[in-house]
Amino acid sequence: MTSSASEPQLELYRILNSLDKYERALMILHLKGFKYDEIASILAISESNVGTKINRIRQRLIAEHR
């Protein structure tokens, strides 16, 4: 993290760091634009599980950061 990071970037870092390692890896891959099938292959889970986990994490973060 650089000193030139904007406030939204800093908030994103804080949110990502609030996740456990597995969730953080999943969300970083998603944010970097990996497709669900690629994430599934990397994390050794099913493609449908990728979508489910991303949605659950997203919903939890929305509720926590309102």
Protein backbone atom coordinates (compact mmCIF):
# COMPACT_ATOMS: atom_id res chain seq x y z
CA MET A 1 0.00 0.00 0.00
CA THR A 2 1.43 3.34 -1.00
CA SER A 3 1.02 6.71 0.62
CA SER A 4 -0.73 7.90 -2.56
CA ALA A 5 -3.66 5.50 -2.10
CA SER A 6 -7.01 7.26 -2.23
CA GLU A 7 -9.59 6.98 0.54
CA PRO A 8 -11.74 4.49 -1.46
CA GLN A 9 -8.65 2.34 -2.03
CA LEU A 10 -7.80 2.45 1.67
CA GLU A 11 -11.35 1.43 2.54
CA LEU A 12 -11.14 -1.48 0.08
CA TYR A 13 -7.87 -2.61 1.71
CA ARG A 14 -9.50 -2.44 5.15
CA ILE A 15 -12.51 -4.43 3.98
CA LEU A 16 -10.39 -7.08 2.27
CA ASN A 17 -8.19 -7.37 5.35
CA SER A 18 -11.29 -7.99 7.47
CA LEU A 19 -11.88 -11.23 5.56
CA ASP A 20 -10.22 -14.52 6.37
CA LYS A 21 -7.44 -15.69 4.02
CA TYR A 22 -9.71 -17.88 1.90
CA GLU A 23 -12.42 -15.24 1.45
CA ARG A 24 -9.79 -12.58 0.73
CA ALA A 25 -8.18 -14.75 -1.97
CA LEU A 26 -11.58 -15.44 -3.52
CA MET A 27 -12.56 -11.76 -3.60
CA ILE A 28 -9.17 -10.58 -4.90
CA LEU A 29 -9.37 -13.06 -7.77
CA HIS A 30 -12.91 -11.89 -8.48
CA LEU A 31 -11.93 -8.21 -8.35
CA LYS A 32 -8.97 -8.88 -10.66
CA GLY A 33 -11.40 -10.15 -13.26
CA PHE A 34 -10.86 -13.89 -13.07
CA LYS A 35 -13.80 -15.89 -14.40
CA TYR A 36 -15.71 -18.16 -12.05
CA ASP A 37 -14.30 -21.29 -13.71
CA GLU A 38 -10.74 -19.95 -13.26
CA ILE A 39 -11.35 -19.15 -9.59
CA ALA A 40 -12.90 -22.59 -9.11
CA SER A 41 -9.83 -24.24 -10.58
CA ILE A 42 -7.40 -22.18 -8.47
CA LEU A 43 -9.28 -22.76 -5.21
CA ALA A 44 -10.33 -26.35 -6.00
CA ILE A 45 -14.05 -25.72 -5.54
CA SER A 46 -16.99 -25.92 -7.93
CA GLU A 47 -17.89 -23.01 -10.18
CA SER A 48 -21.33 -22.73 -8.58
CA ASN A 49 -19.68 -22.61 -5.15
CA VAL A 50 -17.58 -19.66 -6.33
CA GLY A 51 -20.73 -17.71 -7.20
CA THR A 52 -22.43 -18.64 -3.96
CA LYS A 53 -19.44 -17.66 -1.83
CA ILE A 54 -18.93 -14.34 -3.65
CA ASN A 55 -22.59 -13.47 -3.22
CA ARG A 56 -22.60 -14.36 0.49
CA ILE A 57 -19.42 -12.41 1.16
CA ARG A 58 -20.77 -9.42 -0.78
CA GLN A 59 -24.07 -9.46 1.13
CA ARG A 60 -22.30 -9.75 4.49
CA LEU A 61 -19.94 -6.87 3.65
CA ILE A 62 -22.83 -4.68 2.52
CA ALA A 63 -24.62 -5.32 5.80
CA GLU A 64 -21.48 -4.69 7.86
CA HIS A 65 -20.39 -1.49 6.09
CA ARG A 66 -23.66 0.43 5.78
